[in-house]
PDB file of N, CA and C in Angstrom:
ATOM      1  N   UNK A   1       4.741 -20.143  -3.775  1.00  0.00           N
ATOM      2  CA  UNK A   1       4.550 -19.825  -2.373  1.00  0.00           C
ATOM      3  C   UNK A   1       4.142 -18.357  -2.289  1.00  0.00           C
ATOM      4  N   UNK A   2       3.307 -18.055  -1.326  1.00  0.00           N
ATOM      5  CA  UNK A   2       2.890 -16.670  -1.088  1.00  0.00           C
ATOM      6  C   UNK A   2       3.273 -16.281   0.330  1.00  0.00           C
ATOM      7  N   UNK A   3       3.708 -15.037   0.478  1.00  0.00           N
ATOM      8  CA  UNK A   3       3.933 -14.463   1.799  1.00  0.00           C
ATOM      9  C   UNK A   3       3.265 -13.097   1.829  1.00  0.00           C
ATOM     10  N   UNK A   4       2.971 -12.620   3.016  1.00  0.00           N
ATOM     11  CA  UNK A   4       2.306 -11.339   3.135  1.00  0.00           C
ATOM     12  C   UNK A   4       2.853 -10.530   4.282  1.00  0.00           C
ATOM     13  N   UNK A   5       2.504  -9.265   4.269  1.00  0.00           N
ATOM     14  CA  UNK A   5       2.930  -8.360   5.324  1.00  0.00           C
ATOM     15  C   UNK A   5       1.885  -7.272   5.478  1.00  0.00           C
ATOM     16  N   UNK A   6       1.815  -6.754   6.682  1.00  0.00           N
ATOM     17  CA  UNK A   6       0.894  -5.675   7.009  1.00  0.00           C
ATOM     18  C   UNK A   6       1.696  -4.535   7.630  1.00  0.00           C
ATOM     19  N   UNK A   7       1.440  -3.313   7.173  1.00  0.00           N
ATOM     20  CA  UNK A   7       2.069  -2.118   7.739  1.00  0.00           C
ATOM     21  C   UNK A   7       1.001  -1.048   7.929  1.00  0.00           C
ATOM     22  N   UNK A   8       1.300  -0.107   8.799  1.00  0.00           N
ATOM     23  CA  UNK A   8       0.364   0.970   9.118  1.00  0.00           C
ATOM     24  C   UNK A   8       1.017   2.303   8.789  1.00  0.00           C
ATOM     25  N   UNK A   9       0.215   3.230   8.245  1.00  0.00           N
ATOM     26  CA  UNK A   9       0.702   4.592   8.023  1.00  0.00           C
ATOM     27  C   UNK A   9      -0.451   5.559   8.229  1.00  0.00           C
ATOM     28  N   UNK A  10      -0.119   6.809   8.448  1.00  0.00           N
ATOM     29  CA  UNK A  10      -1.114   7.858   8.671  1.00  0.00           C
ATOM     30  C   UNK A  10      -1.001   8.907   7.576  1.00  0.00           C
ATOM     31  N   UNK A  11      -2.154   9.458   7.206  1.00  0.00           N
ATOM     32  CA  UNK A  11      -2.167  10.509   6.192  1.00  0.00           C
ATOM     33  C   UNK A  11      -3.469  11.296   6.291  1.00  0.00           C
ATOM     34  N   UNK A  12      -3.444  12.489   5.720  1.00  0.00           N
ATOM     35  CA  UNK A  12      -4.624  13.351   5.660  1.00  0.00           C
ATOM     36  C   UNK A  12      -5.049  13.506   4.204  1.00  0.00           C
ATOM     37  N   UNK A  13      -6.321  13.823   4.017  1.00  0.00           N
ATOM     38  CA  UNK A  13      -6.818  14.100   2.669  1.00  0.00           C
ATOM     39  C   UNK A  13      -8.195  14.735   2.763  1.00  0.00           C
ATOM     40  N   UNK A  14      -8.670  15.183   1.624  1.00  0.00           N
ATOM     41  CA  UNK A  14     -10.065  15.563   1.469  1.00  0.00           C
ATOM     42  C   UNK A  14     -10.483  15.110   0.077  1.00  0.00           C
ATOM     43  N   UNK A  15     -11.762  14.925  -0.112  1.00  0.00           N
ATOM     44  CA  UNK A  15     -12.271  14.421  -1.393  1.00  0.00           C
ATOM     45  C   UNK A  15     -12.999  15.543  -2.121  1.00  0.00           C
ATOM     46  N   UNK A  16     -12.304  16.215  -3.040  1.00  0.00           N
ATOM     47  CA  UNK A  16     -12.884  17.383  -3.709  1.00  0.00           C
ATOM     48  C   UNK A  16     -14.066  17.043  -4.612  1.00  0.00           C
ATOM     49  N   UNK A  17     -14.184  15.802  -5.036  1.00  0.00           N
ATOM     50  CA  UNK A  17     -15.269  15.399  -5.938  1.00  0.00           C
ATOM     51  C   UNK A  17     -16.459  14.833  -5.178  1.00  0.00           C
ATOM     52  N   UNK A  18     -16.441  14.923  -3.847  1.00  0.00           N
ATOM     53  CA  UNK A  18     -17.475  14.320  -3.007  1.00  0.00           C
ATOM     54  C   UNK A  18     -18.254  15.400  -2.282  1.00  0.00           C
ATOM     55  N   UNK A  19     -19.567  15.285  -2.261  1.00  0.00           N
ATOM     56  CA  UNK A  19     -20.421  16.236  -1.569  1.00  0.00           C
ATOM     57  C   UNK A  19     -20.840  15.624  -0.234  1.00  0.00           C
ATOM     58  N   UNK A  20     -20.064  15.893   0.788  1.00  0.00           N
ATOM     59  CA  UNK A  20     -20.336  15.340   2.108  1.00  0.00           C
ATOM     60  C   UNK A  20     -19.198  15.675   3.052  1.00  0.00           C
ATOM     61  N   UNK A  21     -19.227  15.078   4.257  1.00  0.00           N
ATOM     62  CA  UNK A  21     -18.220  15.396   5.274  1.00  0.00           C
ATOM     63  C   UNK A  21     -16.794  15.159   4.795  1.00  0.00           C
ATOM     64  N   UNK A  22     -16.600  14.158   3.963  1.00  0.00           N
ATOM     65  CA  UNK A  22     -15.243  13.818   3.518  1.00  0.00           C
ATOM     66  C   UNK A  22     -14.660  14.835   2.542  1.00  0.00           C
ATOM     67  N   UNK A  23     -15.449  15.830   2.156  1.00  0.00           N
ATOM     68  CA  UNK A  23     -14.908  16.894   1.309  1.00  0.00           C
ATOM     69  C   UNK A  23     -14.027  17.843   2.122  1.00  0.00           C
ATOM     70  N   UNK A  24     -14.136  17.752   3.458  1.00  0.00           N
ATOM     71  CA  UNK A  24     -13.278  18.562   4.343  1.00  0.00           C
ATOM     72  C   UNK A  24     -12.042  17.753   4.713  1.00  0.00           C
ATOM     73  N   UNK A  25     -10.949  18.437   4.971  1.00  0.00           N
ATOM     74  CA  UNK A  25      -9.708  17.741   5.302  1.00  0.00           C
ATOM     75  C   UNK A  25      -9.877  16.949   6.598  1.00  0.00           C
ATOM     76  N   UNK A  26      -9.379  15.737   6.562  1.00  0.00           N
ATOM     77  CA  UNK A  26      -9.433  14.836   7.708  1.00  0.00           C
ATOM     78  C   UNK A  26      -8.325  13.799   7.549  1.00  0.00           C
ATOM     79  N   UNK A  27      -8.098  13.014   8.563  1.00  0.00           N
ATOM     80  CA  UNK A  27      -7.020  12.036   8.511  1.00  0.00           C
ATOM     81  C   UNK A  27      -7.489  10.629   8.814  1.00  0.00           C
ATOM     82  N   UNK A  28      -6.634   9.686   8.454  1.00  0.00           N
ATOM     83  CA  UNK A  28      -6.899   8.269   8.699  1.00  0.00           C
ATOM     84  C   UNK A  28      -5.609   7.582   9.110  1.00  0.00           C
ATOM     85  N   UNK A  29      -5.769   6.516   9.859  1.00  0.00           N
ATOM     86  CA  UNK A  29      -4.700   5.545  10.017  1.00  0.00           C
ATOM     87  C   UNK A  29      -5.029   4.429   9.036  1.00  0.00           C
ATOM     88  N   UNK A  30      -4.165   4.261   8.058  1.00  0.00           N
ATOM     89  CA  UNK A  30      -4.345   3.254   7.015  1.00  0.00           C
ATOM     90  C   UNK A  30      -3.560   2.000   7.387  1.00  0.00           C
ATOM     91  N   UNK A  31      -4.107   0.855   7.064  1.00  0.00           N
ATOM     92  CA  UNK A  31      -3.393  -0.406   7.179  1.00  0.00           C
ATOM     93  C   UNK A  31      -3.268  -0.977   5.774  1.00  0.00           C
ATOM     94  N   UNK A  32      -2.049  -1.320   5.408  1.00  0.00           N
ATOM     95  CA  UNK A  32      -1.781  -1.878   4.092  1.00  0.00           C
ATOM     96  C   UNK A  32      -1.387  -3.339   4.259  1.00  0.00           C
ATOM     97  N   UNK A  33      -2.097  -4.215   3.575  1.00  0.00           N
ATOM     98  CA  UNK A  33      -1.761  -5.637   3.554  1.00  0.00           C
ATOM     99  C   UNK A  33      -1.328  -5.976   2.132  1.00  0.00           C
ATOM    100  N   UNK A  34      -0.154  -6.570   2.008  1.00  0.00           N
ATOM    101  CA  UNK A  34       0.277  -6.978   0.675  1.00  0.00           C
ATOM    102  C   UNK A  34       0.634  -8.459   0.680  1.00  0.00           C
ATOM    103  N   UNK A  35       0.474  -9.073  -0.483  1.00  0.00           N
ATOM    104  CA  UNK A  35       0.851 -10.468  -0.687  1.00  0.00           C
ATOM    105  C   UNK A  35       1.738 -10.513  -1.924  1.00  0.00           C
ATOM    106  N   UNK A  36       2.860 -11.221  -1.803  1.00  0.00           N
ATOM    107  CA  UNK A  36       3.743 -11.468  -2.937  1.00  0.00           C
ATOM    108  C   UNK A  36       3.864 -12.977  -3.133  1.00  0.00           C
ATOM    109  N   UNK A  37       4.264 -13.351  -4.343  1.00  0.00           N
ATOM    110  CA  UNK A  37       4.332 -14.764  -4.695  1.00  0.00           C
ATOM    111  C   UNK A  37       5.588 -15.026  -5.502  1.00  0.00           C
ATOM    112  N   UNK A  38       6.147 -16.215  -5.328  1.00  0.00           N
ATOM    113  CA  UNK A  38       7.314 -16.615  -6.101  1.00  0.00           C
ATOM    114  C   UNK A  38       7.857 -17.929  -5.588  1.00  0.00           C
ATOM    115  N   UNK A  39       8.958 -18.386  -6.186  1.00  0.00           N
ATOM    116  CA  UNK A  39       9.548 -19.649  -5.757  1.00  0.00           C
ATOM    117  C   UNK A  39      10.367 -19.475  -4.473  1.00  0.00           C
ATOM    118  N   UNK A  40      10.439 -20.523  -3.696  1.00  0.00           N
ATOM    119  CA  UNK A  40      11.267 -20.529  -2.493  1.00  0.00           C
ATOM    120  C   UNK A  40      12.686 -20.919  -2.900  1.00  0.00           C
ATOM    121  N   UNK A  41      13.641 -20.117  -2.472  1.00  0.00           N
ATOM    122  CA  UNK A  41      15.047 -20.408  -2.738  1.00  0.00           C
ATOM    123  C   UNK A  41      15.459 -21.652  -1.938  1.00  0.00           C
ATOM    124  N   UNK A  42      15.975 -22.659  -2.619  1.00  0.00           N
ATOM    125  CA  UNK A  42      16.343 -23.908  -1.941  1.00  0.00           C
ATOM    126  C   UNK A  42      17.439 -23.698  -0.903  1.00  0.00           C
ATOM    127  N   UNK A  43      18.348 -22.790  -1.173  1.00  0.00           N
ATOM    128  CA  UNK A  43      19.468 -22.557  -0.255  1.00  0.00           C
ATOM    129  C   UNK A  43      19.012 -21.840   1.019  1.00  0.00           C
ATOM    130  N   UNK A  44      18.265 -20.737   0.864  1.00  0.00           N
ATOM    131  CA  UNK A  44      17.881 -19.937   2.026  1.00  0.00           C
ATOM    132  C   UNK A  44      16.596 -20.429   2.683  1.00  0.00           C
ATOM    133  N   UNK A  45      15.750 -21.096   1.911  1.00  0.00           N
ATOM    134  CA  UNK A  45      14.444 -21.503   2.410  1.00  0.00           C
ATOM    135  C   UNK A  45      13.420 -20.376   2.393  1.00  0.00           C
ATOM    136  N   UNK A  46      13.814 -19.219   1.839  1.00  0.00           N
ATOM    137  CA  UNK A  46      12.941 -18.040   1.772  1.00  0.00           C
ATOM    138  C   UNK A  46      12.418 -17.838   0.364  1.00  0.00           C
ATOM    139  N   UNK A  47      11.203 -17.336   0.282  1.00  0.00           N
ATOM    140  CA  UNK A  47      10.755 -16.684  -0.946  1.00  0.00           C
ATOM    141  C   UNK A  47      11.429 -15.315  -0.974  1.00  0.00           C
ATOM    142  N   UNK A  48      11.348 -14.633   0.177  1.00  0.00           N
ATOM    143  CA  UNK A  48      11.954 -13.312   0.327  1.00  0.00           C
ATOM    144  C   UNK A  48      12.074 -13.049   1.821  1.00  0.00           C
ATOM    145  N   UNK A  49      13.157 -12.466   2.225  1.00  0.00           N
ATOM    146  CA  UNK A  49      13.350 -12.110   3.625  1.00  0.00           C
ATOM    147  C   UNK A  49      12.312 -11.041   3.994  1.00  0.00           C
ATOM    148  N   UNK A  50      11.580 -11.237   5.100  1.00  0.00           N
ATOM    149  CA  UNK A  50      10.583 -10.261   5.524  1.00  0.00           C
ATOM    150  C   UNK A  50      11.199  -8.876   5.748  1.00  0.00           C
ATOM    151  N   UNK A  51      12.440  -8.843   6.192  1.00  0.00           N
ATOM    152  CA  UNK A  51      13.125  -7.560   6.400  1.00  0.00           C
ATOM    153  C   UNK A  51      13.244  -6.807   5.077  1.00  0.00           C
ATOM    154  N   UNK A  52      13.627  -7.510   4.021  1.00  0.00           N
ATOM    155  CA  UNK A  52      13.753  -6.881   2.698  1.00  0.00           C
ATOM    156  C   UNK A  52      12.391  -6.443   2.165  1.00  0.00           C
ATOM    157  N   UNK A  53      11.377  -7.261   2.381  1.00  0.00           N
ATOM    158  CA  UNK A  53      10.028  -6.896   1.941  1.00  0.00           C
ATOM    159  C   UNK A  53       9.548  -5.643   2.665  1.00  0.00           C
ATOM    160  N   UNK A  54       9.820  -5.557   3.959  1.00  0.00           N
ATOM    161  CA  UNK A  54       9.412  -4.386   4.721  1.00  0.00           C
ATOM    162  C   UNK A  54      10.111  -3.122   4.212  1.00  0.00           C
ATOM    163  N   UNK A  55      11.393  -3.225   3.841  1.00  0.00           N
ATOM    164  CA  UNK A  55      12.106  -2.068   3.285  1.00  0.00           C
ATOM    165  C   UNK A  55      11.470  -1.608   1.981  1.00  0.00           C
ATOM    166  N   UNK A  56      11.053  -2.541   1.143  1.00  0.00           N
ATOM    167  CA  UNK A  56      10.416  -2.206  -0.134  1.00  0.00           C
ATOM    168  C   UNK A  56       9.077  -1.514   0.117  1.00  0.00           C
ATOM    169  N   UNK A  57       8.308  -2.035   1.055  1.00  0.00           N
ATOM    170  CA  UNK A  57       7.008  -1.433   1.367  1.00  0.00           C
ATOM    171  C   UNK A  57       7.199  -0.026   1.928  1.00  0.00           C
ATOM    172  N   UNK A  58       8.129   0.134   2.857  1.00  0.00           N
ATOM    173  CA  UNK A  58       8.365   1.458   3.447  1.00  0.00           C
ATOM    174  C   UNK A  58       8.799   2.460   2.372  1.00  0.00           C
ATOM    175  N   UNK A  59       9.621   2.029   1.422  1.00  0.00           N
ATOM    176  CA  UNK A  59      10.044   2.906   0.329  1.00  0.00           C
ATOM    177  C   UNK A  59       8.849   3.294  -0.541  1.00  0.00           C
ATOM    178  N   UNK A  60       7.946   2.350  -0.781  1.00  0.00           N
ATOM    179  CA  UNK A  60       6.753   2.633  -1.595  1.00  0.00           C
ATOM    180  C   UNK A  60       5.815   3.606  -0.897  1.00  0.00           C
ATOM    181  N   UNK A  61       5.854   3.628   0.429  1.00  0.00           N
ATOM    182  CA  UNK A  61       4.957   4.486   1.203  1.00  0.00           C
ATOM    183  C   UNK A  61       5.584   5.811   1.624  1.00  0.00           C
ATOM    184  N   UNK A  62       6.844   6.031   1.299  1.00  0.00           N
ATOM    185  CA  UNK A  62       7.554   7.206   1.841  1.00  0.00           C
ATOM    186  C   UNK A  62       6.872   8.522   1.487  1.00  0.00           C
ATOM    187  N   UNK A  63       6.258   8.633   0.325  1.00  0.00           N
ATOM    188  CA  UNK A  63       5.613   9.890  -0.070  1.00  0.00           C
ATOM    189  C   UNK A  63       4.211  10.054   0.497  1.00  0.00           C
ATOM    190  N   UNK A  64       3.570   8.957   0.918  1.00  0.00           N
ATOM    191  CA  UNK A  64       2.202   9.060   1.432  1.00  0.00           C
ATOM    192  C   UNK A  64       2.125   9.054   2.953  1.00  0.00           C
ATOM    193  N   UNK A  65       3.116   8.486   3.616  1.00  0.00           N
ATOM    194  CA  UNK A  65       3.083   8.401   5.076  1.00  0.00           C
ATOM    195  C   UNK A  65       3.214   9.788   5.694  1.00  0.00           C
ATOM    196  N   UNK A  66       2.289  10.125   6.583  1.00  0.00           N
ATOM    197  CA  UNK A  66       2.249  11.426   7.261  1.00  0.00           C
ATOM    198  C   UNK A  66       2.279  12.580   6.258  1.00  0.00           C
ATOM    199  N   UNK A  67       1.441  12.465   5.246  1.00  0.00           N
ATOM    200  CA  UNK A  67       1.395  13.507   4.218  1.00  0.00           C
ATOM    201  C   UNK A  67      -0.046  13.923   3.945  1.00  0.00           C
ATOM    202  N   UNK A  68      -0.154  14.991   3.165  1.00  0.00           N
ATOM    203  CA  UNK A  68      -1.443  15.414   2.628  1.00  0.00           C
ATOM    204  C   UNK A  68      -1.575  14.715   1.279  1.00  0.00           C
ATOM    205  N   UNK A  69      -2.429  13.734   1.200  1.00  0.00           N
ATOM    206  CA  UNK A  69      -2.550  12.932  -0.014  1.00  0.00           C
ATOM    207  C   UNK A  69      -3.009  13.738  -1.223  1.00  0.00           C
ATOM    208  N   UNK A  70      -3.663  14.870  -0.992  1.00  0.00           N
ATOM    209  CA  UNK A  70      -4.089  15.712  -2.113  1.00  0.00           C
ATOM    210  C   UNK A  70      -2.909  16.354  -2.827  1.00  0.00           C
ATOM    211  N   UNK A  71      -1.755  16.401  -2.186  1.00  0.00           N
ATOM    212  CA  UNK A  71      -0.549  16.908  -2.844  1.00  0.00           C
ATOM    213  C   UNK A  71       0.023  15.871  -3.810  1.00  0.00           C
ATOM    214  N   UNK A  72      -0.425  14.623  -3.692  1.00  0.00           N
ATOM    215  CA  UNK A  72       0.084  13.524  -4.522  1.00  0.00           C
ATOM    216  C   UNK A  72      -0.952  13.069  -5.542  1.00  0.00           C
ATOM    217  N   UNK A  73      -2.207  13.000  -5.098  1.00  0.00           N
ATOM    218  CA  UNK A  73      -3.298  12.502  -5.938  1.00  0.00           C
ATOM    219  C   UNK A  73      -4.392  13.552  -6.064  1.00  0.00           C
ATOM    220  N   UNK A  74      -4.918  13.709  -7.255  1.00  0.00           N
ATOM    221  CA  UNK A  74      -5.965  14.702  -7.485  1.00  0.00           C
ATOM    222  C   UNK A  74      -7.236  14.377  -6.697  1.00  0.00           C
ATOM    223  N   UNK A  75      -7.590  13.110  -6.626  1.00  0.00           N
ATOM    224  CA  UNK A  75      -8.792  12.682  -5.918  1.00  0.00           C
ATOM    225  C   UNK A  75      -8.428  11.453  -5.075  1.00  0.00           C
ATOM    226  N   UNK A  76      -7.893  11.663  -3.867  1.00  0.00           N
ATOM    227  CA  UNK A  76      -7.342  10.562  -3.084  1.00  0.00           C
ATOM    228  C   UNK A  76      -8.385   9.712  -2.354  1.00  0.00           C
ATOM    229  N   UNK A  77      -9.200   9.018  -3.130  1.00  0.00           N
ATOM    230  CA  UNK A  77     -10.119   8.034  -2.566  1.00  0.00           C
ATOM    231  C   UNK A  77      -9.305   6.813  -2.151  1.00  0.00           C
ATOM    232  N   UNK A  78      -9.886   5.941  -1.361  1.00  0.00           N
ATOM    233  CA  UNK A  78      -9.190   4.708  -0.978  1.00  0.00           C
ATOM    234  C   UNK A  78      -8.790   3.912  -2.220  1.00  0.00           C
ATOM    235  N   UNK A  79      -9.666   3.905  -3.220  1.00  0.00           N
ATOM    236  CA  UNK A  79      -9.374   3.185  -4.457  1.00  0.00           C
ATOM    237  C   UNK A  79      -8.144   3.760  -5.165  1.00  0.00           C
ATOM    238  N   UNK A  80      -8.065   5.095  -5.244  1.00  0.00           N
ATOM    239  CA  UNK A  80      -6.935   5.733  -5.917  1.00  0.00           C
ATOM    240  C   UNK A  80      -5.649   5.622  -5.102  1.00  0.00           C
ATOM    241  N   UNK A  81      -5.745   5.666  -3.790  1.00  0.00           N
ATOM    242  CA  UNK A  81      -4.566   5.491  -2.941  1.00  0.00           C
ATOM    243  C   UNK A  81      -4.020   4.070  -3.110  1.00  0.00           C
ATOM    244  N   UNK A  82      -4.901   3.082  -3.093  1.00  0.00           N
ATOM    245  CA  UNK A  82      -4.478   1.687  -3.264  1.00  0.00           C
ATOM    246  C   UNK A  82      -3.814   1.478  -4.622  1.00  0.00           C
ATOM    247  N   UNK A  83      -4.348   2.085  -5.656  1.00  0.00           N
ATOM    248  CA  UNK A  83      -3.751   1.971  -6.994  1.00  0.00           C
ATOM    249  C   UNK A  83      -2.368   2.613  -7.024  1.00  0.00           C
ATOM    250  N   UNK A  84      -2.235   3.780  -6.403  1.00  0.00           N
ATOM    251  CA  UNK A  84      -0.936   4.456  -6.322  1.00  0.00           C
ATOM    252  C   UNK A  84       0.094   3.562  -5.614  1.00  0.00           C
ATOM    253  N   UNK A  85      -0.296   3.009  -4.471  1.00  0.00           N
ATOM    254  CA  UNK A  85       0.618   2.159  -3.702  1.00  0.00           C
ATOM    255  C   UNK A  85       0.963   0.895  -4.493  1.00  0.00           C
ATOM    256  N   UNK A  86      -0.019   0.305  -5.151  1.00  0.00           N
ATOM    257  CA  UNK A  86       0.230  -0.892  -5.966  1.00  0.00           C
ATOM    258  C   UNK A  86       1.261  -0.598  -7.050  1.00  0.00           C
ATOM    259  N   UNK A  87       1.107   0.518  -7.739  1.00  0.00           N
ATOM    260  CA  UNK A  87       2.059   0.891  -8.790  1.00  0.00           C
ATOM    261  C   UNK A  87       3.465   1.084  -8.222  1.00  0.00           C
ATOM    262  N   UNK A  88       3.558   1.729  -7.058  1.00  0.00           N
ATOM    263  CA  UNK A  88       4.862   1.938  -6.406  1.00  0.00           C
ATOM    264  C   UNK A  88       5.497   0.607  -6.009  1.00  0.00           C
ATOM    265  N   UNK A  89       4.704  -0.306  -5.467  1.00  0.00           N
ATOM    266  CA  UNK A  89       5.229  -1.612  -5.070  1.00  0.00           C
ATOM    267  C   UNK A  89       5.685  -2.412  -6.287  1.00  0.00           C
ATOM    268  N   UNK A  90       4.894  -2.425  -7.341  1.00  0.00           N
ATOM    269  CA  UNK A  90       5.281  -3.168  -8.543  1.00  0.00           C
ATOM    270  C   UNK A  90       6.584  -2.646  -9.121  1.00  0.00           C
ATOM    271  N   UNK A  91       6.759  -1.344  -9.105  1.00  0.00           N
ATOM    272  CA  UNK A  91       7.997  -0.745  -9.617  1.00  0.00           C
ATOM    273  C   UNK A  91       9.196  -1.200  -8.781  1.00  0.00           C
ATOM    274  N   UNK A  92       9.022  -1.230  -7.475  1.00  0.00           N
ATOM    275  CA  UNK A  92      10.129  -1.590  -6.584  1.00  0.00           C
ATOM    276  C   UNK A  92      10.396  -3.095  -6.538  1.00  0.00           C
ATOM    277  N   UNK A  93       9.433  -3.902  -6.935  1.00  0.00           N
ATOM    278  CA  UNK A  93       9.618  -5.357  -6.955  1.00  0.00           C
ATOM    279  C   UNK A  93      10.136  -5.871  -8.295  1.00  0.00           C
ATOM    280  N   UNK A  94      10.359  -4.994  -9.262  1.00  0.00           N
ATOM    281  CA  UNK A  94      10.775  -5.419 -10.598  1.00  0.00           C
ATOM    282  C   UNK A  94      12.045  -6.256 -10.592  1.00  0.00           C
ATOM    283  N   UNK A  95      12.974  -5.960  -9.726  1.00  0.00           N
ATOM    284  CA  UNK A  95      14.244  -6.681  -9.705  1.00  0.00           C
ATOM    285  C   UNK A  95      14.271  -7.800  -8.661  1.00  0.00           C
ATOM    286  N   UNK A  96      13.136  -8.112  -8.099  1.00  0.00           N
ATOM    287  CA  UNK A  96      13.034  -9.171  -7.089  1.00  0.00           C
ATOM    288  C   UNK A  96      12.425 -10.415  -7.732  1.00  0.00           C
ATOM    289  N   UNK A  97      12.583 -11.537  -7.072  1.00  0.00           N
ATOM    290  CA  UNK A  97      12.008 -12.782  -7.574  1.00  0.00           C
ATOM    291  C   UNK A  97      10.510 -12.865  -7.276  1.00  0.00           C
ATOM    292  N   UNK A  98      10.057 -12.061  -6.337  1.00  0.00           N
ATOM    293  CA  UNK A  98       8.653 -12.077  -5.931  1.00  0.00           C
ATOM    294  C   UNK A  98       7.821 -11.150  -6.803  1.00  0.00           C
ATOM    295  N   UNK A  99       6.602 -11.581  -7.098  1.00  0.00           N
ATOM    296  CA  UNK A  99       5.631 -10.772  -7.840  1.00  0.00           C
ATOM    297  C   UNK A  99       4.515 -10.362  -6.891  1.00  0.00           C
ATOM    298  N   UNK A 100       4.018  -9.156  -7.072  1.00  0.00           N
ATOM    299  CA  UNK A 100       2.914  -8.665  -6.265  1.00  0.00           C
ATOM    300  C   UNK A 100       1.627  -9.383  -6.663  1.00  0.00           C
ATOM    301  N   UNK A 101       0.929  -9.943  -5.684  1.00  0.00           N
ATOM    302  CA  UNK A 101      -0.320 -10.665  -5.919  1.00  0.00           C
ATOM    303  C   UNK A 101      -1.516  -9.777  -5.585  1.00  0.00           C
ATOM    304  N   UNK A 102      -1.470  -9.123  -4.416  1.00  0.00           N
ATOM    305  CA  UNK A 102      -2.598  -8.295  -4.022  1.00  0.00           C
ATOM    306  C   UNK A 102      -2.177  -7.190  -3.067  1.00  0.00           C
ATOM    307  N   UNK A 103      -2.989  -6.144  -3.087  1.00  0.00           N
ATOM    308  CA  UNK A 103      -2.845  -5.006  -2.181  1.00  0.00           C
ATOM    309  C   UNK A 103      -4.212  -4.780  -1.560  1.00  0.00           C
ATOM    310  N   UNK A 104      -4.254  -4.760  -0.247  1.00  0.00           N
ATOM    311  CA  UNK A 104      -5.497  -4.463   0.468  1.00  0.00           C
ATOM    312  C   UNK A 104      -5.220  -3.260   1.358  1.00  0.00           C
ATOM    313  N   UNK A 105      -6.003  -2.212   1.181  1.00  0.00           N
ATOM    314  CA  UNK A 105      -5.820  -0.982   1.930  1.00  0.00           C
ATOM    315  C   UNK A 105      -7.036  -0.750   2.811  1.00  0.00           C
ATOM    316  N   UNK A 106      -6.808  -0.713   4.119  1.00  0.00           N
ATOM    317  CA  UNK A 106      -7.845  -0.421   5.099  1.00  0.00           C
ATOM    318  C   UNK A 106      -7.801   1.065   5.399  1.00  0.00           C
ATOM    319  N   UNK A 107      -8.927   1.729   5.293  1.00  0.00           N
ATOM    320  CA  UNK A 107      -9.044   3.141   5.656  1.00  0.00           C
ATOM    321  C   UNK A 107      -9.738   3.185   7.010  1.00  0.00           C
ATOM    322  N   UNK A 108      -8.934   3.237   8.067  1.00  0.00           N
ATOM    323  CA  UNK A 108      -9.489   3.132   9.411  1.00  0.00           C
ATOM    324  C   UNK A 108      -9.942   1.704   9.662  1.00  0.00           C
ATOM    325  N   UNK A 109     -11.002   1.561  10.428  1.00  0.00           N
ATOM    326  CA  UNK A 109     -11.540   0.233  10.735  1.00  0.00           C
ATOM    327  C   UNK A 109     -12.739  -0.065   9.842  1.00  0.00           C
ATOM    328  N   UNK A 110     -12.865  -1.320   9.476  1.00  0.00           N
ATOM    329  CA  UNK A 110     -14.061  -1.837   8.798  1.00  0.00           C
ATOM    330  C   UNK A 110     -14.281  -1.342   7.373  1.00  0.00           C
ATOM    331  N   UNK A 111     -13.308  -0.633   6.790  1.00  0.00           N
ATOM    332  CA  UNK A 111     -13.465  -0.128   5.422  1.00  0.00           C
ATOM    333  C   UNK A 111     -12.180  -0.462   4.661  1.00  0.00           C
ATOM    334  N   UNK A 112     -12.311  -1.136   3.523  1.00  0.00           N
ATOM    335  CA  UNK A 112     -11.122  -1.497   2.766  1.00  0.00           C
ATOM    336  C   UNK A 112     -11.411  -1.621   1.278  1.00  0.00           C
ATOM    337  N   UNK A 113     -10.328  -1.573   0.511  1.00  0.00           N
ATOM    338  CA  UNK A 113     -10.354  -1.851  -0.921  1.00  0.00           C
ATOM    339  C   UNK A 113      -9.264  -2.874  -1.187  1.00  0.00           C
ATOM    340  N   UNK A 114      -9.455  -3.682  -2.205  1.00  0.00           N
ATOM    341  CA  UNK A 114      -8.450  -4.681  -2.547  1.00  0.00           C
ATOM    342  C   UNK A 114      -8.220  -4.682  -4.052  1.00  0.00           C
ATOM    343  N   UNK A 115      -6.962  -4.799  -4.418  1.00  0.00           N
ATOM    344  CA  UNK A 115      -6.555  -4.932  -5.825  1.00  0.00           C
ATOM    345  C   UNK A 115      -5.818  -6.250  -5.966  1.00  0.00           C
ATOM    346  N   UNK A 116      -6.312  -7.101  -6.835  1.00  0.00           N
ATOM    347  CA  UNK A 116      -5.652  -8.386  -7.098  1.00  0.00           C
ATOM    348  C   UNK A 116      -4.878  -8.330  -8.388  1.00  0.00           C
TER     349      UNK A 116
END
């Protein structure tokens, strides 16, 4: 079974390796969509309680939410931010029955990256 969740966070960054407007500091409202997979517990009927999943996601985002992403990542492109978040989520899901299937990171509207 697969379940998913979407959360929103805000952050600022600049792209030092890019020659264009994005080389200057600016901000985005990011939307993170994640999907996890695992067996449904026969007793509870849940793969995972959405409340618990939301706590794990919020913990994975605590360093990036309302932050300067350049303080965390050398080159905070959407691709590198998504990889960072994926690694944080996988670390926090290690003791859970659910496995991370995908991470989709929207940078504002109409622009996204996905890691399967």
